[in-house]
Amino acid sequence: MKTAPGRPINGKDVPAFCYIIADFTQELETACRTCSFIQADDGLSYFGYLPYWQAYFTVMNYDSFLEGARQRNRVFFDKLHLN
């Protein structure tokens, strides 16, 4: 890997963080369990680590992701008079 100007980057031991935001289907939930991802207590997301890819994964339900964003930004939207 290299930066835009061409400087080398040692990314060999740098883990990746992957976020999957999707509508949950039976197939997606089966894939999460097959990868031994752990289901969150609220049942609306899974998380896990895949050593082969050196990647941490978070799989989130789209509706709960959207509602969480609305709640986090409610005050900001109110100040801007956005509904």
PDB file of N, CA and C in Angstrom:
ATOM      1  N   MET A   1       0.838  -1.174   0.000  1.00  0.00           N
ATOM      2  CA  MET A   1       0.000   0.000   0.000  1.00  0.00           C
ATOM      3  C   MET A   1       0.884   1.238   0.000  1.00  0.00           C
ATOM      4  N   LYS A   2       0.348   2.275  -0.646  1.00  0.00           N
ATOM      5  CA  LYS A   2       1.069   3.545  -0.704  1.00  0.00           C
ATOM      6  C   LYS A   2       0.092   4.704  -0.523  1.00  0.00           C
ATOM      7  N   THR A   3       0.622   5.817   0.001  1.00  0.00           N
ATOM      8  CA  THR A   3      -0.179   7.035   0.091  1.00  0.00           C
ATOM      9  C   THR A   3      -0.338   7.615  -1.313  1.00  0.00           C
ATOM     10  N   ALA A   4      -1.201   8.617  -1.463  1.00  0.00           N
ATOM     11  CA  ALA A   4      -1.411   9.247  -2.771  1.00  0.00           C
ATOM     12  C   ALA A   4      -0.106   9.739  -3.391  1.00  0.00           C
ATOM     13  N   PRO A   5       0.809  10.350  -2.597  1.00  0.00           N
ATOM     14  CA  PRO A   5       2.088  10.793  -3.183  1.00  0.00           C
ATOM     15  C   PRO A   5       3.072   9.639  -3.444  1.00  0.00           C
ATOM     16  N   GLY A   6       2.742   8.423  -3.018  1.00  0.00           N
ATOM     17  CA  GLY A   6       3.605   7.284  -3.291  1.00  0.00           C
ATOM     18  C   GLY A   6       4.428   6.787  -2.126  1.00  0.00           C
ATOM     19  N   ARG A   7       4.220   7.318  -0.946  1.00  0.00           N
ATOM     20  CA  ARG A   7       4.970   6.872   0.233  1.00  0.00           C
ATOM     21  C   ARG A   7       4.420   5.520   0.698  1.00  0.00           C
ATOM     22  N   PRO A   8       5.306   4.549   0.969  1.00  0.00           N
ATOM     23  CA  PRO A   8       4.829   3.224   1.385  1.00  0.00           C
ATOM     24  C   PRO A   8       4.176   3.248   2.773  1.00  0.00           C
ATOM     25  N   ILE A   9       3.150   2.418   2.923  1.00  0.00           N
ATOM     26  CA  ILE A   9       2.452   2.254   4.201  1.00  0.00           C
ATOM     27  C   ILE A   9       2.563   0.786   4.590  1.00  0.00           C
ATOM     28  N   ASN A  10       3.007   0.531   5.812  1.00  0.00           N
ATOM     29  CA  ASN A  10       3.053  -0.842   6.306  1.00  0.00           C
ATOM     30  C   ASN A  10       1.697  -1.159   6.922  1.00  0.00           C
ATOM     31  N   GLY A  11       0.842  -1.799   6.175  1.00  0.00           N
ATOM     32  CA  GLY A  11      -0.494  -2.124   6.661  1.00  0.00           C
ATOM     33  C   GLY A  11      -0.662  -3.585   7.004  1.00  0.00           C
ATOM     34  N   LYS A  12       0.443  -4.316   7.064  1.00  0.00           N
ATOM     35  CA  LYS A  12       0.378  -5.759   7.273  1.00  0.00           C
ATOM     36  C   LYS A  12      -0.333  -6.139   8.569  1.00  0.00           C
ATOM     37  N   ASP A  13      -0.020  -5.472   9.655  1.00  0.00           N
ATOM     38  CA  ASP A  13      -0.575  -5.853  10.953  1.00  0.00           C
ATOM     39  C   ASP A  13      -1.636  -4.880  11.449  1.00  0.00           C
ATOM     40  N   VAL A  14      -2.223  -4.116  10.554  1.00  0.00           N
ATOM     41  CA  VAL A  14      -3.251  -3.152  10.940  1.00  0.00           C
ATOM     42  C   VAL A  14      -4.623  -3.798  10.734  1.00  0.00           C
ATOM     43  N   PRO A  15      -5.399  -3.943  11.802  1.00  0.00           N
ATOM     44  CA  PRO A  15      -6.719  -4.565  11.631  1.00  0.00           C
ATOM     45  C   PRO A  15      -7.679  -3.632  10.899  1.00  0.00           C
ATOM     46  N   ALA A  16      -8.640  -4.229  10.245  1.00  0.00           N
ATOM     47  CA  ALA A  16      -9.684  -3.476   9.556  1.00  0.00           C
ATOM     48  C   ALA A  16     -10.942  -3.494  10.415  1.00  0.00           C
ATOM     49  N   PHE A  17     -11.741  -2.453  10.280  1.00  0.00           N
ATOM     50  CA  PHE A  17     -13.026  -2.370  10.961  1.00  0.00           C
ATOM     51  C   PHE A  17     -14.100  -2.255   9.894  1.00  0.00           C
ATOM     52  N   CYS A  18     -14.990  -3.233   9.842  1.00  0.00           N
ATOM     53  CA  CYS A  18     -16.013  -3.301   8.802  1.00  0.00           C
ATOM     54  C   CYS A  18     -17.390  -3.181   9.433  1.00  0.00           C
ATOM     55  N   TYR A  19     -18.200  -2.314   8.864  1.00  0.00           N
ATOM     56  CA  TYR A  19     -19.563  -2.117   9.342  1.00  0.00           C
ATOM     57  C   TYR A  19     -20.524  -2.494   8.225  1.00  0.00           C
ATOM     58  N   ILE A  20     -21.429  -3.392   8.533  1.00  0.00           N
ATOM     59  CA  ILE A  20     -22.440  -3.816   7.577  1.00  0.00           C
ATOM     60  C   ILE A  20     -23.777  -3.363   8.127  1.00  0.00           C
ATOM     61  N   ILE A  21     -24.455  -2.510   7.377  1.00  0.00           N
ATOM     62  CA  ILE A  21     -25.751  -1.994   7.786  1.00  0.00           C
ATOM     63  C   ILE A  21     -26.759  -2.506   6.765  1.00  0.00           C
ATOM     64  N   ALA A  22     -27.697  -3.329   7.212  1.00  0.00           N
ATOM     65  CA  ALA A  22     -28.599  -3.991   6.277  1.00  0.00           C
ATOM     66  C   ALA A  22     -29.895  -4.388   6.975  1.00  0.00           C
ATOM     67  N   ASP A  23     -30.904  -4.655   6.172  1.00  0.00           N
ATOM     68  CA  ASP A  23     -32.110  -5.269   6.710  1.00  0.00           C
ATOM     69  C   ASP A  23     -31.760  -6.714   7.039  1.00  0.00           C
ATOM     70  N   PHE A  24     -32.107  -7.142   8.223  1.00  0.00           N
ATOM     71  CA  PHE A  24     -31.791  -8.503   8.622  1.00  0.00           C
ATOM     72  C   PHE A  24     -32.699  -9.485   7.891  1.00  0.00           C
ATOM     73  N   THR A  25     -32.074 -10.465   7.305  1.00  0.00           N
ATOM     74  CA  THR A  25     -32.800 -11.569   6.681  1.00  0.00           C
ATOM     75  C   THR A  25     -32.333 -12.844   7.370  1.00  0.00           C
ATOM     76  N   GLN A  26     -33.033 -13.912   7.139  1.00  0.00           N
ATOM     77  CA  GLN A  26     -32.637 -15.193   7.717  1.00  0.00           C
ATOM     78  C   GLN A  26     -31.242 -15.572   7.219  1.00  0.00           C
ATOM     79  N   GLU A  27     -30.972 -15.302   5.944  1.00  0.00           N
ATOM     80  CA  GLU A  27     -29.676 -15.637   5.363  1.00  0.00           C
ATOM     81  C   GLU A  27     -28.547 -14.836   6.021  1.00  0.00           C
ATOM     82  N   LEU A  28     -28.764 -13.544   6.282  1.00  0.00           N
ATOM     83  CA  LEU A  28     -27.744 -12.715   6.930  1.00  0.00           C
ATOM     84  C   LEU A  28     -27.503 -13.176   8.358  1.00  0.00           C
ATOM     85  N   GLU A  29     -28.564 -13.479   9.083  1.00  0.00           N
ATOM     86  CA  GLU A  29     -28.393 -13.945  10.470  1.00  0.00           C
ATOM     87  C   GLU A  29     -27.678 -15.287  10.511  1.00  0.00           C
ATOM     88  N   THR A  30     -27.973 -16.153   9.553  1.00  0.00           N
ATOM     89  CA  THR A  30     -27.283 -17.443   9.469  1.00  0.00           C
ATOM     90  C   THR A  30     -25.797 -17.228   9.192  1.00  0.00           C
ATOM     91  N   ALA A  31     -25.480 -16.291   8.297  1.00  0.00           N
ATOM     92  CA  ALA A  31     -24.076 -15.987   7.996  1.00  0.00           C
ATOM     93  C   ALA A  31     -23.354 -15.463   9.239  1.00  0.00           C
ATOM     94  N   CYS A  32     -24.020 -14.624  10.014  1.00  0.00           N
ATOM     95  CA  CYS A  32     -23.411 -14.096  11.244  1.00  0.00           C
ATOM     96  C   CYS A  32     -23.116 -15.228  12.223  1.00  0.00           C
ATOM     97  N   ARG A  33     -24.061 -16.137  12.380  1.00  0.00           N
ATOM     98  CA  ARG A  33     -23.844 -17.256  13.300  1.00  0.00           C
ATOM     99  C   ARG A  33     -22.767 -18.205  12.770  1.00  0.00           C
ATOM    100  N   THR A  34     -22.727 -18.397  11.451  1.00  0.00           N
ATOM    101  CA  THR A  34     -21.704 -19.258  10.847  1.00  0.00           C
ATOM    102  C   THR A  34     -20.310 -18.702  11.107  1.00  0.00           C
ATOM    103  N   CYS A  35     -20.179 -17.375  11.121  1.00  0.00           N
ATOM    104  CA  CYS A  35     -18.887 -16.723  11.391  1.00  0.00           C
ATOM    105  C   CYS A  35     -18.624 -16.600  12.889  1.00  0.00           C
ATOM    106  N   SER A  36     -19.504 -17.170  13.710  1.00  0.00           N
ATOM    107  CA  SER A  36     -19.390 -17.122  15.180  1.00  0.00           C
ATOM    108  C   SER A  36     -19.453 -15.702  15.720  1.00  0.00           C
ATOM    109  N   PHE A  37     -20.181 -14.826  15.027  1.00  0.00           N
ATOM    110  CA  PHE A  37     -20.395 -13.484  15.540  1.00  0.00           C
ATOM    111  C   PHE A  37     -21.325 -13.564  16.740  1.00  0.00           C
ATOM    112  N   ILE A  38     -21.181 -12.637  17.646  1.00  0.00           N
ATOM    113  CA  ILE A  38     -21.979 -12.605  18.870  1.00  0.00           C
ATOM    114  C   ILE A  38     -23.137 -11.641  18.668  1.00  0.00           C
ATOM    115  N   GLN A  39     -24.324 -12.088  19.029  1.00  0.00           N
ATOM    116  CA  GLN A  39     -25.499 -11.220  18.921  1.00  0.00           C
ATOM    117  C   GLN A  39     -25.556 -10.298  20.133  1.00  0.00           C
ATOM    118  N   ALA A  40     -25.791  -9.013  19.885  1.00  0.00           N
ATOM    119  CA  ALA A  40     -25.923  -8.041  20.971  1.00  0.00           C
ATOM    120  C   ALA A  40     -27.165  -8.361  21.791  1.00  0.00           C
ATOM    121  N   ASP A  41     -27.183  -7.885  23.024  1.00  0.00           N
ATOM    122  CA  ASP A  41     -28.301  -8.160  23.922  1.00  0.00           C
ATOM    123  C   ASP A  41     -29.630  -7.679  23.377  1.00  0.00           C
ATOM    124  N   ASP A  42     -29.619  -6.576  22.620  1.00  0.00           N
ATOM    125  CA  ASP A  42     -30.879  -6.060  22.075  1.00  0.00           C
ATOM    126  C   ASP A  42     -31.355  -6.841  20.854  1.00  0.00           C
ATOM    127  N   GLY A  43     -30.525  -7.754  20.344  1.00  0.00           N
ATOM    128  CA  GLY A  43     -30.895  -8.574  19.196  1.00  0.00           C
ATOM    129  C   GLY A  43     -30.856  -7.836  17.870  1.00  0.00           C
ATOM    130  N   LEU A  44     -30.332  -6.608  17.863  1.00  0.00           N
ATOM    131  CA  LEU A  44     -30.370  -5.790  16.658  1.00  0.00           C
ATOM    132  C   LEU A  44     -29.009  -5.634  15.985  1.00  0.00           C
ATOM    133  N   SER A  45     -28.009  -6.351  16.470  1.00  0.00           N
ATOM    134  CA  SER A  45     -26.702  -6.301  15.830  1.00  0.00           C
ATOM    135  C   SER A  45     -25.876  -7.519  16.229  1.00  0.00           C
ATOM    136  N   TYR A  46     -24.848  -7.770  15.428  1.00  0.00           N
ATOM    137  CA  TYR A  46     -23.882  -8.837  15.694  1.00  0.00           C
ATOM    138  C   TYR A  46     -22.496  -8.224  15.611  1.00  0.00           C
ATOM    139  N   PHE A  47     -21.546  -8.828  16.289  1.00  0.00           N
ATOM    140  CA  PHE A  47     -20.173  -8.358  16.176  1.00  0.00           C
ATOM    141  C   PHE A  47     -19.224  -9.540  16.316  1.00  0.00           C
ATOM    142  N   GLY A  48     -18.035  -9.389  15.736  1.00  0.00           N
ATOM    143  CA  GLY A  48     -17.062 -10.465  15.819  1.00  0.00           C
ATOM    144  C   GLY A  48     -15.764 -10.086  15.132  1.00  0.00           C
ATOM    145  N   TYR A  49     -14.823 -11.001  15.200  1.00  0.00           N
ATOM    146  CA  TYR A  49     -13.493 -10.803  14.625  1.00  0.00           C
ATOM    147  C   TYR A  49     -13.167 -12.020  13.780  1.00  0.00           C
ATOM    148  N   LEU A  50     -12.654 -11.779  12.562  1.00  0.00           N
ATOM    149  CA  LEU A  50     -12.214 -12.866  11.691  1.00  0.00           C
ATOM    150  C   LEU A  50     -10.702 -12.774  11.524  1.00  0.00           C
ATOM    151  N   PRO A  51      -9.963 -13.670  12.194  1.00  0.00           N
ATOM    152  CA  PRO A  51      -8.501 -13.581  12.202  1.00  0.00           C
ATOM    153  C   PRO A  51      -7.866 -13.673  10.813  1.00  0.00           C
ATOM    154  N   TYR A  52      -8.422 -14.492   9.925  1.00  0.00           N
ATOM    155  CA  TYR A  52      -7.839 -14.637   8.591  1.00  0.00           C
ATOM    156  C   TYR A  52      -7.772 -13.289   7.886  1.00  0.00           C
ATOM    157  N   TRP A  53      -8.809 -12.495   8.037  1.00  0.00           N
ATOM    158  CA  TRP A  53      -8.880 -11.182   7.393  1.00  0.00           C
ATOM    159  C   TRP A  53      -8.335 -10.069   8.288  1.00  0.00           C
ATOM    160  N   GLN A  54      -8.005 -10.383   9.522  1.00  0.00           N
ATOM    161  CA  GLN A  54      -7.612  -9.384  10.517  1.00  0.00           C
ATOM    162  C   GLN A  54      -8.631  -8.246  10.534  1.00  0.00           C
ATOM    163  N   ALA A  55      -9.899  -8.631  10.671  1.00  0.00           N
ATOM    164  CA  ALA A  55     -10.970  -7.639  10.564  1.00  0.00           C
ATOM    165  C   ALA A  55     -12.004  -7.836  11.661  1.00  0.00           C
ATOM    166  N   TYR A  56     -12.400  -6.714  12.252  1.00  0.00           N
ATOM    167  CA  TYR A  56     -13.502  -6.678  13.199  1.00  0.00           C
ATOM    168  C   TYR A  56     -14.766  -6.334  12.416  1.00  0.00           C
ATOM    169  N   PHE A  57     -15.841  -7.035  12.690  1.00  0.00           N
ATOM    170  CA  PHE A  57     -17.091  -6.808  11.974  1.00  0.00           C
ATOM    171  C   PHE A  57     -18.199  -6.400  12.940  1.00  0.00           C
ATOM    172  N   THR A  58     -19.007  -5.470  12.503  1.00  0.00           N
ATOM    173  CA  THR A  58     -20.248  -5.125  13.183  1.00  0.00           C
ATOM    174  C   THR A  58     -21.344  -5.164  12.131  1.00  0.00           C
ATOM    175  N   VAL A  59     -22.351  -5.968  12.378  1.00  0.00           N
ATOM    176  CA  VAL A  59     -23.491  -6.088  11.466  1.00  0.00           C
ATOM    177  C   VAL A  59     -24.685  -5.492  12.191  1.00  0.00           C
ATOM    178  N   MET A  60     -25.242  -4.427  11.608  1.00  0.00           N
ATOM    179  CA  MET A  60     -26.311  -3.678  12.286  1.00  0.00           C
ATOM    180  C   MET A  60     -27.598  -3.703  11.462  1.00  0.00           C
ATOM    181  N   ASN A  61     -28.706  -3.815  12.173  1.00  0.00           N
ATOM    182  CA  ASN A  61     -30.018  -3.713  11.545  1.00  0.00           C
ATOM    183  C   ASN A  61     -30.230  -2.280  11.063  1.00  0.00           C
ATOM    184  N   TYR A  62     -30.656  -2.111   9.812  1.00  0.00           N
ATOM    185  CA  TYR A  62     -30.794  -0.781   9.221  1.00  0.00           C
ATOM    186  C   TYR A  62     -31.750   0.108  10.010  1.00  0.00           C
ATOM    187  N   ASP A  63     -32.915  -0.411  10.375  1.00  0.00           N
ATOM    188  CA  ASP A  63     -33.908   0.404  11.082  1.00  0.00           C
ATOM    189  C   ASP A  63     -33.387   0.881  12.435  1.00  0.00           C
ATOM    190  N   SER A  64     -32.704   0.019  13.170  1.00  0.00           N
ATOM    191  CA  SER A  64     -32.190   0.436  14.477  1.00  0.00           C
ATOM    192  C   SER A  64     -31.032   1.422  14.310  1.00  0.00           C
ATOM    193  N   PHE A  65     -30.237   1.261  13.261  1.00  0.00           N
ATOM    194  CA  PHE A  65     -29.158   2.211  12.968  1.00  0.00           C
ATOM    195  C   PHE A  65     -29.734   3.597  12.682  1.00  0.00           C
ATOM    196  N   LEU A  66     -30.778   3.638  11.864  1.00  0.00           N
ATOM    197  CA  LEU A  66     -31.418   4.903  11.504  1.00  0.00           C
ATOM    198  C   LEU A  66     -32.054   5.563  12.723  1.00  0.00           C
ATOM    199  N   GLU A  67     -32.738   4.783  13.559  1.00  0.00           N
ATOM    200  CA  GLU A  67     -33.375   5.334  14.750  1.00  0.00           C
ATOM    201  C   GLU A  67     -32.332   5.856  15.727  1.00  0.00           C
ATOM    202  N   GLY A  68     -31.224   5.147  15.883  1.00  0.00           N
ATOM    203  CA  GLY A  68     -30.149   5.608  16.757  1.00  0.00           C
ATOM    204  C   GLY A  68     -29.571   6.929  16.275  1.00  0.00           C
ATOM    205  N   ALA A  69     -29.406   7.062  14.956  1.00  0.00           N
ATOM    206  CA  ALA A  69     -28.894   8.318  14.390  1.00  0.00           C
ATOM    207  C   ALA A  69     -29.882   9.452  14.644  1.00  0.00           C
ATOM    208  N   ARG A  70     -31.155   9.172  14.493  1.00  0.00           N
ATOM    209  CA  ARG A  70     -32.176  10.196  14.759  1.00  0.00           C
ATOM    210  C   ARG A  70     -32.119  10.651  16.212  1.00  0.00           C
ATOM    211  N   GLN A  71     -32.015   9.711  17.126  1.00  0.00           N
ATOM    212  CA  GLN A  71     -31.975  10.059  18.547  1.00  0.00           C
ATOM    213  C   GLN A  71     -30.716  10.851  18.895  1.00  0.00           C
ATOM    214  N   ARG A  72     -29.565  10.438  18.349  1.00  0.00           N
ATOM    215  CA  ARG A  72     -28.313  11.139  18.644  1.00  0.00           C
ATOM    216  C   ARG A  72     -28.315  12.562  18.104  1.00  0.00           C
ATOM    217  N   ASN A  73     -29.001  12.789  17.002  1.00  0.00           N
ATOM    218  CA  ASN A  73     -28.960  14.093  16.347  1.00  0.00           C
ATOM    219  C   ASN A  73     -30.210  14.935  16.552  1.00  0.00           C
ATOM    220  N   ARG A  74     -31.132  14.485  17.388  1.00  0.00           N
ATOM    221  CA  ARG A  74     -32.404  15.178  17.576  1.00  0.00           C
ATOM    222  C   ARG A  74     -32.215  16.640  17.996  1.00  0.00           C
ATOM    223  N   VAL A  75     -31.378  16.901  18.977  1.00  0.00           N
ATOM    224  CA  VAL A  75     -31.160  18.266  19.456  1.00  0.00           C
ATOM    225  C   VAL A  75     -30.583  19.130  18.342  1.00  0.00           C
ATOM    226  N   PHE A  76     -29.625  18.605  17.611  1.00  0.00           N
ATOM    227  CA  PHE A  76     -29.022  19.334  16.502  1.00  0.00           C
ATOM    228  C   PHE A  76     -30.082  19.699  15.460  1.00  0.00           C
ATOM    229  N   PHE A  77     -30.926  18.734  15.089  1.00  0.00           N
ATOM    230  CA  PHE A  77     -31.980  19.005  14.108  1.00  0.00           C
ATOM    231  C   PHE A  77     -32.990  20.007  14.638  1.00  0.00           C
ATOM    232  N   ASP A  78     -33.303  19.911  15.923  1.00  0.00           N
ATOM    233  CA  ASP A  78     -34.245  20.880  16.526  1.00  0.00           C
ATOM    234  C   ASP A  78     -33.685  22.301  16.445  1.00  0.00           C
ATOM    235  N   LYS A  79     -32.409  22.469  16.713  1.00  0.00           N
ATOM    236  CA  LYS A  79     -31.776  23.795  16.634  1.00  0.00           C
ATOM    237  C   LYS A  79     -31.807  24.360  15.230  1.00  0.00           C
ATOM    238  N   LEU A  80     -31.738  23.480  14.240  1.00  0.00           N
ATOM    239  CA  LEU A  80     -31.784  23.911  12.838  1.00  0.00           C
ATOM    240  C   LEU A  80     -33.211  23.994  12.294  1.00  0.00           C
ATOM    241  N   HIS A  81     -34.176  23.678  13.160  1.00  0.00           N
ATOM    242  CA  HIS A  81     -35.598  23.664  12.797  1.00  0.00           C
ATOM    243  C   HIS A  81     -35.885  22.671  11.675  1.00  0.00           C
ATOM    244  N   LEU A  82     -35.209  21.503  11.764  1.00  0.00           N
ATOM    245  CA  LEU A  82     -35.455  20.416  10.829  1.00  0.00           C
ATOM    246  C   LEU A  82     -36.253  19.341  11.551  1.00  0.00           C
ATOM    247  N   ASN A  83     -37.214  18.793  10.887  1.00  0.00           N
ATOM    248  CA  ASN A  83     -38.016  17.721  11.537  1.00  0.00           C
ATOM    249  C   ASN A  83     -37.540  16.381  11.086  1.00  0.00           C
TER     250      ASN A  83
END
